[in-house]
Amino acid sequence: MLSLSFIVGAWMTRREAPRLGLDRERVLDLNIYIVLWAIVGARVLHIIADGHFHDYVNLCIDNFKVRATEAKVALCNADSECGFDYVCNLAAHTCHPPRDCFAVIEVWRGGLAYYGGFIFATVFGLTFARKHRMGMGKVADLCAPWIAFGLALTRVGCFLNGCCFGKIAHVPWAVRFPVGSPAWEAQRDAHLIAGPAAAYPVHPTQIYLALLNLLTFAILYFVIRRRKRCDGQIFAWLLILKGVFRSFVEIWRDDERGVLFGWLSTSQIISLPLIALGIYLLVRCQRATPPSSAT
């Protein structure tokens, strides 16, 4: 789903580039670089903020300190019993990932944080636009709706993967993830369930975010884009809407991630300055727009 979001974004921004007076091939180059920097940034924030830094260190130094999250058995007597490429600690009869000093760069195994990718890709994209005199605000507005659309797709991927799950819920649309899923493991580790018992149903926060990102795309593309007054306005609204919606859904998130003061998540901390930046850009746009153009 992440790959699909990049493909759709590259295709649509290249398709719409001439309308803004931008060169299609230059926009395609920009998309290729954005993909690379988005993955790098998402990985960096995951390592720093998601609480797994010591796991990556231990995977290289002492892999028996890292728990095998998808092991087929709770106790083992041989590597083959653990499943996948896991190894068995014969002293404790527990399963663990194999020793791997390069795990920190193996993004295909999972571990990406959206805001890290967004910040890295945005900084590079604006630098690229400035270097090639494309107009930073113009390029940001071109990409903004498709960033939201791509996020809607990737949140579906989160749902299919079982990550980014919500708190236990008893609403009609609550979802019960299967045994072995991240939600099931979190409830087992919290001693809410034992053994092979089924997980409690949880808020499908991935779907909440997918729908809100789709709504953001619709607002940006079909409403704000048609009433645009200055370059950067669409991107400013992306910062505001994304920050507000993400902070709101964080109330129901329950997966392991960085928190401050025991309740404020990393995403909420990052959302606040992004919302403020979006408001600043809108105010600056309003002040720079002649009165006759604003009617």
C-alpha atoms as a PDB file:
ATOM      1  CA  MET A   1       0.000   0.000   0.000  1.00  0.00           C
ATOM      2  CA  LEU A   2       2.925   2.331   0.682  1.00  0.00           C
ATOM      3  CA  SER A   3       4.361   1.560  -2.757  1.00  0.00           C
ATOM      4  CA  LEU A   4       0.966   2.137  -4.345  1.00  0.00           C
ATOM      5  CA  SER A   5       0.682   5.524  -2.643  1.00  0.00           C
ATOM      6  CA  PHE A   6       4.058   6.595  -4.080  1.00  0.00           C
ATOM      7  CA  ILE A   7       3.056   5.404  -7.559  1.00  0.00           C
ATOM      8  CA  VAL A   8      -0.270   7.261  -7.495  1.00  0.00           C
ATOM      9  CA  GLY A   9       1.387  10.404  -6.147  1.00  0.00           C
ATOM     10  CA  ALA A  10       4.108  10.378  -8.800  1.00  0.00           C
ATOM     11  CA  TRP A  11       1.631   9.712 -11.607  1.00  0.00           C
ATOM     12  CA  MET A  12      -0.841  12.410 -10.593  1.00  0.00           C
ATOM     13  CA  THR A  13       1.695  15.144  -9.779  1.00  0.00           C
ATOM     14  CA  ARG A  14       3.461  14.517 -13.096  1.00  0.00           C
ATOM     15  CA  ARG A  15       0.110  14.616 -14.867  1.00  0.00           C
ATOM     16  CA  GLU A  16      -0.903  17.919 -13.261  1.00  0.00           C
ATOM     17  CA  ALA A  17       2.505  19.622 -13.471  1.00  0.00           C
ATOM     18  CA  PRO A  18       1.884  21.467 -16.799  1.00  0.00           C
ATOM     19  CA  ARG A  19      -1.199  23.161 -15.342  1.00  0.00           C
ATOM     20  CA  LEU A  20       1.091  24.895 -12.863  1.00  0.00           C
ATOM     21  CA  GLY A  21       3.779  25.611 -15.428  1.00  0.00           C
ATOM     22  CA  LEU A  22       6.104  22.895 -14.113  1.00  0.00           C
ATOM     23  CA  ASP A  23       8.192  20.478 -16.136  1.00  0.00           C
ATOM     24  CA  ARG A  24       6.846  16.921 -15.928  1.00  0.00           C
ATOM     25  CA  GLU A  25      10.240  15.214 -15.939  1.00  0.00           C
ATOM     26  CA  ARG A  26      11.525  17.499 -13.212  1.00  0.00           C
ATOM     27  CA  VAL A  27       8.469  16.659 -11.104  1.00  0.00           C
ATOM     28  CA  LEU A  28       9.091  12.950 -11.700  1.00  0.00           C
ATOM     29  CA  ASP A  29      12.686  13.362 -10.516  1.00  0.00           C
ATOM     30  CA  LEU A  30      11.377  15.112  -7.418  1.00  0.00           C
ATOM     31  CA  ASN A  31       9.043  12.195  -6.671  1.00  0.00           C
ATOM     32  CA  ILE A  32      11.844   9.654  -6.899  1.00  0.00           C
ATOM     33  CA  TYR A  33      13.960  11.574  -4.394  1.00  0.00           C
ATOM     34  CA  ILE A  34      10.947  12.115  -2.132  1.00  0.00           C
ATOM     35  CA  VAL A  35      10.357   8.355  -1.938  1.00  0.00           C
ATOM     36  CA  LEU A  36      13.927   7.785  -0.774  1.00  0.00           C
ATOM     37  CA  TRP A  37      13.938  10.581   1.798  1.00  0.00           C
ATOM     38  CA  ALA A  38      10.480   9.677   3.077  1.00  0.00           C
ATOM     39  CA  ILE A  39      11.629   6.135   3.843  1.00  0.00           C
ATOM     40  CA  VAL A  40      14.829   7.378   5.499  1.00  0.00           C
ATOM     41  CA  GLY A  41      12.937   9.898   7.635  1.00  0.00           C
ATOM     42  CA  ALA A  42      10.229   7.424   8.594  1.00  0.00           C
ATOM     43  CA  ARG A  43      12.866   4.937   9.704  1.00  0.00           C
ATOM     44  CA  VAL A  44      14.821   7.523  11.694  1.00  0.00           C
ATOM     45  CA  LEU A  45      11.753   8.663  13.646  1.00  0.00           C
ATOM     46  CA  HIS A  46      10.720   5.045  14.246  1.00  0.00           C
ATOM     47  CA  ILE A  47      14.107   4.301  15.791  1.00  0.00           C
ATOM     48  CA  ILE A  48      14.144   7.464  17.901  1.00  0.00           C
ATOM     49  CA  ALA A  49      10.520   7.793  18.994  1.00  0.00           C
ATOM     50  CA  ASP A  50       8.870   4.364  18.891  1.00  0.00           C
ATOM     51  CA  GLY A  51      10.873   2.912  21.753  1.00  0.00           C
ATOM     52  CA  HIS A  52      12.853   0.341  19.751  1.00  0.00           C
ATOM     53  CA  PHE A  53      16.321   1.913  19.777  1.00  0.00           C
ATOM     54  CA  HIS A  54      17.671  -0.538  22.363  1.00  0.00           C
ATOM     55  CA  ASP A  55      16.134  -3.456  20.452  1.00  0.00           C
ATOM     56  CA  TYR A  56      18.206  -2.637  17.383  1.00  0.00           C
ATOM     57  CA  VAL A  57      21.334  -2.313  19.527  1.00  0.00           C
ATOM     58  CA  ASN A  58      20.622  -5.630  21.239  1.00  0.00           C
ATOM     59  CA  LEU A  59      19.965  -7.375  17.932  1.00  0.00           C
ATOM     60  CA  CYS A  60      23.622  -6.768  17.154  1.00  0.00           C
ATOM     61  CA  ILE A  61      25.062  -7.318  20.642  1.00  0.00           C
ATOM     62  CA  ASP A  62      22.769  -9.774  22.468  1.00  0.00           C
ATOM     63  CA  ASN A  63      19.726 -10.889  20.483  1.00  0.00           C
ATOM     64  CA  PHE A  64      18.404 -12.930  23.438  1.00  0.00           C
ATOM     65  CA  LYS A  65      17.330  -9.623  25.012  1.00  0.00           C
ATOM     66  CA  VAL A  66      14.869  -9.044  22.170  1.00  0.00           C
ATOM     67  CA  ARG A  67      11.553 -10.853  22.192  1.00  0.00           C
ATOM     68  CA  ALA A  68      10.332 -12.684  19.080  1.00  0.00           C
ATOM     69  CA  THR A  69       6.987 -11.003  18.542  1.00  0.00           C
ATOM     70  CA  GLU A  70       5.552 -13.570  16.136  1.00  0.00           C
ATOM     71  CA  ALA A  71       6.949 -16.822  17.521  1.00  0.00           C
ATOM     72  CA  LYS A  72       4.692 -19.848  16.999  1.00  0.00           C
ATOM     73  CA  VAL A  73       5.203 -21.114  20.554  1.00  0.00           C
ATOM     74  CA  ALA A  74       5.558 -19.512  23.965  1.00  0.00           C
ATOM     75  CA  LEU A  75       8.248 -21.988  25.093  1.00  0.00           C
ATOM     76  CA  CYS A  76      10.704 -23.800  22.837  1.00  0.00           C
ATOM     77  CA  ASN A  77      13.271 -26.583  22.878  1.00  0.00           C
ATOM     78  CA  ALA A  78      14.624 -26.078  19.347  1.00  0.00           C
ATOM     79  CA  ASP A  79      14.902 -23.310  16.752  1.00  0.00           C
ATOM     80  CA  SER A  80      12.485 -25.098  14.443  1.00  0.00           C
ATOM     81  CA  GLU A  81       9.678 -24.743  16.986  1.00  0.00           C
ATOM     82  CA  CYS A  82       9.840 -20.927  16.975  1.00  0.00           C
ATOM     83  CA  GLY A  83       8.994 -20.521  13.310  1.00  0.00           C
ATOM     84  CA  PHE A  84      10.296 -18.103  10.695  1.00  0.00           C
ATOM     85  CA  ASP A  85      14.027 -17.439  11.223  1.00  0.00           C
ATOM     86  CA  TYR A  86      13.729 -17.182  15.016  1.00  0.00           C
ATOM     87  CA  VAL A  87      16.189 -18.924  17.322  1.00  0.00           C
ATOM     88  CA  CYS A  88      15.537 -20.660  20.631  1.00  0.00           C
ATOM     89  CA  ASN A  89      17.335 -19.705  23.824  1.00  0.00           C
ATOM     90  CA  LEU A  90      17.779 -23.205  25.275  1.00  0.00           C
ATOM     91  CA  ALA A  91      18.534 -21.837  28.742  1.00  0.00           C
ATOM     92  CA  ALA A  92      15.244 -19.928  29.038  1.00  0.00           C
ATOM     93  CA  HIS A  93      13.298 -21.877  26.361  1.00  0.00           C
ATOM     94  CA  THR A  94      12.199 -18.609  24.728  1.00  0.00           C
ATOM     95  CA  CYS A  95      12.210 -17.534  21.088  1.00  0.00           C
ATOM     96  CA  HIS A  96      14.190 -14.546  19.796  1.00  0.00           C
ATOM     97  CA  PRO A  97      15.122 -12.945  16.463  1.00  0.00           C
ATOM     98  CA  PRO A  98      18.504 -13.969  15.029  1.00  0.00           C
ATOM     99  CA  ARG A  99      21.514 -11.762  15.631  1.00  0.00           C
ATOM    100  CA  ASP A 100      21.540  -9.054  12.965  1.00  0.00           C
ATOM    101  CA  CYS A 101      23.662  -5.893  13.060  1.00  0.00           C
ATOM    102  CA  PHE A 102      21.962  -4.561   9.919  1.00  0.00           C
ATOM    103  CA  ALA A 103      18.390  -4.805  11.212  1.00  0.00           C
ATOM    104  CA  VAL A 104      18.291  -1.040  11.716  1.00  0.00           C
ATOM    105  CA  ILE A 105      18.309  -0.482   7.929  1.00  0.00           C
ATOM    106  CA  GLU A 106      16.068  -3.399   6.942  1.00  0.00           C
ATOM    107  CA  VAL A 107      12.932  -1.330   6.334  1.00  0.00           C
ATOM    108  CA  TRP A 108      11.231  -4.207   4.489  1.00  0.00           C
ATOM    109  CA  ARG A 109      10.755  -5.848   7.902  1.00  0.00           C
ATOM    110  CA  GLY A 110       8.568  -2.944   9.014  1.00  0.00           C
ATOM    111  CA  GLY A 111       9.110   0.000  11.320  1.00  0.00           C
ATOM    112  CA  LEU A 112       8.236   3.318   9.677  1.00  0.00           C
ATOM    113  CA  ALA A 113       6.857   6.438  11.382  1.00  0.00           C
ATOM    114  CA  TYR A 114       4.807   8.711   9.113  1.00  0.00           C
ATOM    115  CA  TYR A 115       5.812  12.078  10.532  1.00  0.00           C
ATOM    116  CA  GLY A 116       9.510  11.328  10.105  1.00  0.00           C
ATOM    117  CA  GLY A 117       8.968  10.555   6.433  1.00  0.00           C
ATOM    118  CA  PHE A 118       6.788  13.634   5.987  1.00  0.00           C
ATOM    119  CA  ILE A 119       9.330  15.997   7.559  1.00  0.00           C
ATOM    120  CA  PHE A 120      12.340  14.590   5.696  1.00  0.00           C
ATOM    121  CA  ALA A 121      10.492  14.491   2.360  1.00  0.00           C
ATOM    122  CA  THR A 122       9.109  18.016   2.804  1.00  0.00           C
ATOM    123  CA  VAL A 123      12.489  19.526   3.657  1.00  0.00           C
ATOM    124  CA  PHE A 124      14.121  17.841   0.691  1.00  0.00           C
ATOM    125  CA  GLY A 125      11.227  18.627  -1.658  1.00  0.00           C
ATOM    126  CA  LEU A 126      11.280  22.326  -0.818  1.00  0.00           C
ATOM    127  CA  THR A 127      15.077  22.411  -1.150  1.00  0.00           C
ATOM    128  CA  PHE A 128      14.830  20.692  -4.539  1.00  0.00           C
ATOM    129  CA  ALA A 129      12.134  23.120  -5.689  1.00  0.00           C
ATOM    130  CA  ARG A 130      14.193  26.109  -4.631  1.00  0.00           C
ATOM    131  CA  LYS A 131      17.360  24.812  -6.257  1.00  0.00           C
ATOM    132  CA  HIS A 132      15.613  24.288  -9.592  1.00  0.00           C
ATOM    133  CA  ARG A 133      13.514  27.467  -9.296  1.00  0.00           C
ATOM    134  CA  MET A 134      10.223  25.600  -9.447  1.00  0.00           C
ATOM    135  CA  GLY A 135       8.557  27.679  -6.728  1.00  0.00           C
ATOM    136  CA  MET A 136       8.447  26.108  -3.281  1.00  0.00           C
ATOM    137  CA  GLY A 137       4.830  27.038  -2.578  1.00  0.00           C
ATOM    138  CA  LYS A 138       3.724  25.885  -6.013  1.00  0.00           C
ATOM    139  CA  VAL A 139       5.402  22.480  -5.625  1.00  0.00           C
ATOM    140  CA  ALA A 140       4.058  22.071  -2.084  1.00  0.00           C
ATOM    141  CA  ASP A 141       0.511  22.758  -3.302  1.00  0.00           C
ATOM    142  CA  LEU A 142       0.937  20.292  -6.166  1.00  0.00           C
ATOM    143  CA  CYS A 143       1.933  17.511  -3.775  1.00  0.00           C
ATOM    144  CA  ALA A 144      -0.345  18.266  -0.806  1.00  0.00           C
ATOM    145  CA  PRO A 145      -3.584  16.546  -1.935  1.00  0.00           C
ATOM    146  CA  TRP A 146      -1.724  13.441  -3.050  1.00  0.00           C
ATOM    147  CA  ILE A 147       0.137  13.208   0.236  1.00  0.00           C
ATOM    148  CA  ALA A 148      -3.253  12.954   1.949  1.00  0.00           C
ATOM    149  CA  PHE A 149      -4.518  10.442  -0.615  1.00  0.00           C
ATOM    150  CA  GLY A 150      -1.369   8.334  -0.227  1.00  0.00           C
ATOM    151  CA  LEU A 151      -1.779   8.339   3.545  1.00  0.00           C
ATOM    152  CA  ALA A 152      -5.303   6.991   3.143  1.00  0.00           C
ATOM    153  CA  LEU A 153      -3.867   4.053   1.195  1.00  0.00           C
ATOM    154  CA  THR A 154      -1.034   3.381   3.636  1.00  0.00           C
ATOM    155  CA  ARG A 155      -3.421   3.347   6.602  1.00  0.00           C
ATOM    156  CA  VAL A 156      -5.289   0.531   4.880  1.00  0.00           C
ATOM    157  CA  GLY A 157      -1.912  -1.219   4.781  1.00  0.00           C
ATOM    158  CA  CYS A 158      -1.570  -0.608   8.521  1.00  0.00           C
ATOM    159  CA  PHE A 159      -4.950  -2.258   9.062  1.00  0.00           C
ATOM    160  CA  LEU A 160      -3.992  -5.296   6.971  1.00  0.00           C
ATOM    161  CA  ASN A 161      -0.693  -5.551   8.864  1.00  0.00           C
ATOM    162  CA  GLY A 162      -2.386  -5.180  12.244  1.00  0.00           C
ATOM    163  CA  CYS A 163      -0.146  -2.347  13.474  1.00  0.00           C
ATOM    164  CA  CYS A 164      -1.300   1.081  14.740  1.00  0.00           C
ATOM    165  CA  PHE A 165      -4.271  -0.558  16.496  1.00  0.00           C
ATOM    166  CA  GLY A 166      -6.624   1.107  18.956  1.00  0.00           C
ATOM    167  CA  LYS A 167      -7.742   0.630  22.522  1.00  0.00           C
ATOM    168  CA  ILE A 168     -10.188  -2.061  23.605  1.00  0.00           C
ATOM    169  CA  ALA A 169     -13.663  -1.040  22.481  1.00  0.00           C
ATOM    170  CA  HIS A 170     -17.217  -2.322  22.586  1.00  0.00           C
ATOM    171  CA  VAL A 171     -18.626  -0.258  19.720  1.00  0.00           C
ATOM    172  CA  PRO A 172     -20.380  -2.154  16.885  1.00  0.00           C
ATOM    173  CA  TRP A 173     -17.511  -1.499  14.463  1.00  0.00           C
ATOM    174  CA  ALA A 174     -14.739  -2.698  16.809  1.00  0.00           C
ATOM    175  CA  VAL A 175     -12.285  -5.171  15.250  1.00  0.00           C
ATOM    176  CA  ARG A 176     -10.902  -8.371  16.777  1.00  0.00           C
ATOM    177  CA  PHE A 177      -7.405  -9.071  15.435  1.00  0.00           C
ATOM    178  CA  PRO A 178      -6.206 -12.698  15.265  1.00  0.00           C
ATOM    179  CA  VAL A 179      -3.909 -14.589  17.631  1.00  0.00           C
ATOM    180  CA  GLY A 180      -0.316 -13.539  17.032  1.00  0.00           C
ATOM    181  CA  SER A 181      -1.204 -10.050  15.826  1.00  0.00           C
ATOM    182  CA  PRO A 182       0.336  -6.936  17.430  1.00  0.00           C
ATOM    183  CA  ALA A 183      -2.941  -6.151  19.218  1.00  0.00           C
ATOM    184  CA  TRP A 184      -3.170  -9.702  20.601  1.00  0.00           C
ATOM    185  CA  GLU A 185       0.462  -9.570  21.767  1.00  0.00           C
ATOM    186  CA  ALA A 186      -0.051  -6.216  23.498  1.00  0.00           C
ATOM    187  CA  GLN A 187      -3.080  -7.547  25.375  1.00  0.00           C
ATOM    188  CA  ARG A 188      -1.201 -10.708  26.329  1.00  0.00           C
ATOM    189  CA  ASP A 189       1.787  -8.712  27.608  1.00  0.00           C
ATOM    190  CA  ALA A 190      -0.605  -6.526  29.624  1.00  0.00           C
ATOM    191  CA  HIS A 191      -2.025  -9.757  31.156  1.00  0.00           C
ATOM    192  CA  LEU A 192      -5.483  -9.020  29.760  1.00  0.00           C
ATOM    193  CA  ILE A 193      -5.561 -12.401  28.038  1.00  0.00           C
ATOM    194  CA  ALA A 194      -3.625 -15.619  28.588  1.00  0.00           C
ATOM    195  CA  GLY A 195      -2.427 -18.467  26.433  1.00  0.00           C
ATOM    196  CA  PRO A 196      -4.150 -18.865  23.053  1.00  0.00           C
ATOM    197  CA  ALA A 197      -7.211 -16.831  24.097  1.00  0.00           C
ATOM    198  CA  ALA A 198      -8.704 -14.536  21.471  1.00  0.00           C
ATOM    199  CA  ALA A 199      -7.903 -10.834  21.634  1.00  0.00           C
ATOM    200  CA  TYR A 200     -10.441  -8.287  22.814  1.00  0.00           C
ATOM    201  CA  PRO A 201     -11.990  -6.126  20.059  1.00  0.00           C
ATOM    202  CA  VAL A 202     -10.324  -2.743  19.568  1.00  0.00           C
ATOM    203  CA  HIS A 203     -10.945   0.575  17.834  1.00  0.00           C
ATOM    204  CA  PRO A 204      -9.900   0.259  14.151  1.00  0.00           C
ATOM    205  CA  THR A 205      -7.837   3.450  14.372  1.00  0.00           C
ATOM    206  CA  GLN A 206      -6.166   2.606  11.061  1.00  0.00           C
ATOM    207  CA  ILE A 207      -9.541   2.892   9.323  1.00  0.00           C
ATOM    208  CA  TYR A 208     -10.326   6.104  11.213  1.00  0.00           C
ATOM    209  CA  LEU A 209      -7.126   7.621   9.855  1.00  0.00           C
ATOM    210  CA  ALA A 210      -7.701   6.248   6.363  1.00  0.00           C
ATOM    211  CA  LEU A 211     -11.150   7.868   6.189  1.00  0.00           C
ATOM    212  CA  LEU A 212      -9.932  11.167   7.662  1.00  0.00           C
ATOM    213  CA  ASN A 213      -7.035  11.292   5.208  1.00  0.00           C
ATOM    214  CA  LEU A 214      -9.453  10.617   2.374  1.00  0.00           C
ATOM    215  CA  LEU A 215     -11.630  13.476   3.656  1.00  0.00           C
ATOM    216  CA  THR A 216      -8.534  15.691   3.808  1.00  0.00           C
ATOM    217  CA  PHE A 217      -7.741  14.822   0.182  1.00  0.00           C
ATOM    218  CA  ALA A 218     -11.284  15.694  -0.905  1.00  0.00           C
ATOM    219  CA  ILE A 219     -11.169  19.060   0.897  1.00  0.00           C
ATOM    220  CA  LEU A 220      -7.756  19.960  -0.506  1.00  0.00           C
ATOM    221  CA  TYR A 221      -8.365  18.811  -4.070  1.00  0.00           C
ATOM    222  CA  PHE A 222     -11.994  19.670  -4.696  1.00  0.00           C
ATOM    223  CA  VAL A 223     -12.490  22.706  -2.442  1.00  0.00           C
ATOM    224  CA  ILE A 224      -9.334  24.579  -1.494  1.00  0.00           C
ATOM    225  CA  ARG A 225      -7.494  23.969  -4.773  1.00  0.00           C
ATOM    226  CA  ARG A 226     -10.324  25.625  -6.714  1.00  0.00           C
ATOM    227  CA  ARG A 227     -10.346  28.633  -4.383  1.00  0.00           C
ATOM    228  CA  LYS A 228      -6.607  29.030  -4.040  1.00  0.00           C
ATOM    229  CA  ARG A 229      -5.416  32.607  -3.455  1.00  0.00           C
ATOM    230  CA  CYS A 230      -1.662  32.142  -3.135  1.00  0.00           C
ATOM    231  CA  ASP A 231       1.052  29.507  -3.451  1.00  0.00           C
ATOM    232  CA  GLY A 232       1.407  27.415  -0.309  1.00  0.00           C
ATOM    233  CA  GLN A 233      -2.229  27.705   0.728  1.00  0.00           C
ATOM    234  CA  ILE A 234      -3.155  24.087  -0.051  1.00  0.00           C
ATOM    235  CA  PHE A 235      -0.085  22.814   1.771  1.00  0.00           C
ATOM    236  CA  ALA A 236      -0.929  25.007   4.773  1.00  0.00           C
ATOM    237  CA  TRP A 237      -4.358  23.405   5.024  1.00  0.00           C
ATOM    238  CA  LEU A 238      -2.741  19.950   4.772  1.00  0.00           C
ATOM    239  CA  LEU A 239      -0.616  20.765   7.834  1.00  0.00           C
ATOM    240  CA  ILE A 240      -3.651  21.953   9.792  1.00  0.00           C
ATOM    241  CA  LEU A 241      -6.084  19.198   8.846  1.00  0.00           C
ATOM    242  CA  LYS A 242      -3.532  16.419   9.161  1.00  0.00           C
ATOM    243  CA  GLY A 243      -2.319  17.687  12.530  1.00  0.00           C
ATOM    244  CA  VAL A 244      -5.826  18.064  13.965  1.00  0.00           C
ATOM    245  CA  PHE A 245      -7.145  14.729  12.688  1.00  0.00           C
ATOM    246  CA  ARG A 246      -4.041  12.795  13.735  1.00  0.00           C
ATOM    247  CA  SER A 247      -4.061  14.297  17.238  1.00  0.00           C
ATOM    248  CA  PHE A 248      -7.754  13.459  17.563  1.00  0.00           C
ATOM    249  CA  VAL A 249      -7.359   9.792  16.575  1.00  0.00           C
ATOM    250  CA  GLU A 250      -4.374   9.418  18.919  1.00  0.00           C
ATOM    251  CA  ILE A 251      -6.922   9.447  21.754  1.00  0.00           C
ATOM    252  CA  TRP A 252      -7.942   5.902  20.758  1.00  0.00           C
ATOM    253  CA  ARG A 253      -4.505   4.567  19.727  1.00  0.00           C
ATOM    254  CA  ASP A 254      -3.050   1.854  21.955  1.00  0.00           C
ATOM    255  CA  ASP A 255       0.001   0.509  20.141  1.00  0.00           C
ATOM    256  CA  GLU A 256       3.476   0.952  21.599  1.00  0.00           C
ATOM    257  CA  ARG A 257       5.006   4.335  20.696  1.00  0.00           C
ATOM    258  CA  GLY A 258       6.745   7.241  22.356  1.00  0.00           C
ATOM    259  CA  VAL A 259       4.789   9.302  24.890  1.00  0.00           C
ATOM    260  CA  LEU A 260       5.469  12.419  26.969  1.00  0.00           C
ATOM    261  CA  PHE A 261       4.046  12.951  30.457  1.00  0.00           C
ATOM    262  CA  GLY A 262       2.501   9.492  30.126  1.00  0.00           C
ATOM    263  CA  TRP A 263      -0.288  10.601  27.772  1.00  0.00           C
ATOM    264  CA  LEU A 264       0.966  12.953  25.027  1.00  0.00           C
ATOM    265  CA  SER A 265       2.157  10.888  22.062  1.00  0.00           C
ATOM    266  CA  THR A 266       5.067  11.704  19.762  1.00  0.00           C
ATOM    267  CA  SER A 267       2.616  12.334  16.925  1.00  0.00           C
ATOM    268  CA  GLN A 268       0.649  14.835  18.993  1.00  0.00           C
ATOM    269  CA  ILE A 269       3.853  16.623  19.982  1.00  0.00           C
ATOM    270  CA  ILE A 270       4.862  16.944  16.316  1.00  0.00           C
ATOM    271  CA  SER A 271       1.335  17.885  15.218  1.00  0.00           C
ATOM    272  CA  LEU A 272       1.207  21.041  17.338  1.00  0.00           C
ATOM    273  CA  PRO A 273       4.043  22.960  15.603  1.00  0.00           C
ATOM    274  CA  LEU A 274       2.833  21.753  12.198  1.00  0.00           C
ATOM    275  CA  ILE A 275      -0.650  23.128  12.905  1.00  0.00           C
ATOM    276  CA  ALA A 276       0.912  26.409  14.042  1.00  0.00           C
ATOM    277  CA  LEU A 277       3.026  26.543  10.868  1.00  0.00           C
ATOM    278  CA  GLY A 278      -0.074  25.940   8.734  1.00  0.00           C
ATOM    279  CA  ILE A 279      -1.925  28.776  10.455  1.00  0.00           C
ATOM    280  CA  TYR A 280       1.071  31.079   9.981  1.00  0.00           C
ATOM    281  CA  LEU A 281       1.205  30.282   6.248  1.00  0.00           C
ATOM    282  CA  LEU A 282      -2.518  31.030   5.884  1.00  0.00           C
ATOM    283  CA  VAL A 283      -2.180  34.355   7.704  1.00  0.00           C
ATOM    284  CA  ARG A 284       0.772  35.306   5.530  1.00  0.00           C
ATOM    285  CA  CYS A 285      -1.178  34.317   2.433  1.00  0.00           C
ATOM    286  CA  GLN A 286      -4.129  36.449   3.494  1.00  0.00           C
ATOM    287  CA  ARG A 287      -1.917  39.471   4.111  1.00  0.00           C
ATOM    288  CA  ALA A 288      -0.151  39.052   0.787  1.00  0.00           C
ATOM    289  CA  THR A 289      -3.378  38.716  -1.222  1.00  0.00           C
ATOM    290  CA  PRO A 290      -4.705  41.993  -2.685  1.00  0.00           C
ATOM    291  CA  PRO A 291      -8.260  42.845  -1.500  1.00  0.00           C
ATOM    292  CA  SER A 292      -9.603  42.623  -5.039  1.00  0.00           C
ATOM    293  CA  SER A 293      -8.318  39.040  -5.384  1.00  0.00           C
ATOM    294  CA  ALA A 294      -9.916  37.920  -2.133  1.00  0.00           C
ATOM    295  CA  THR A 295     -13.482  38.759  -3.163  1.00  0.00           C
END
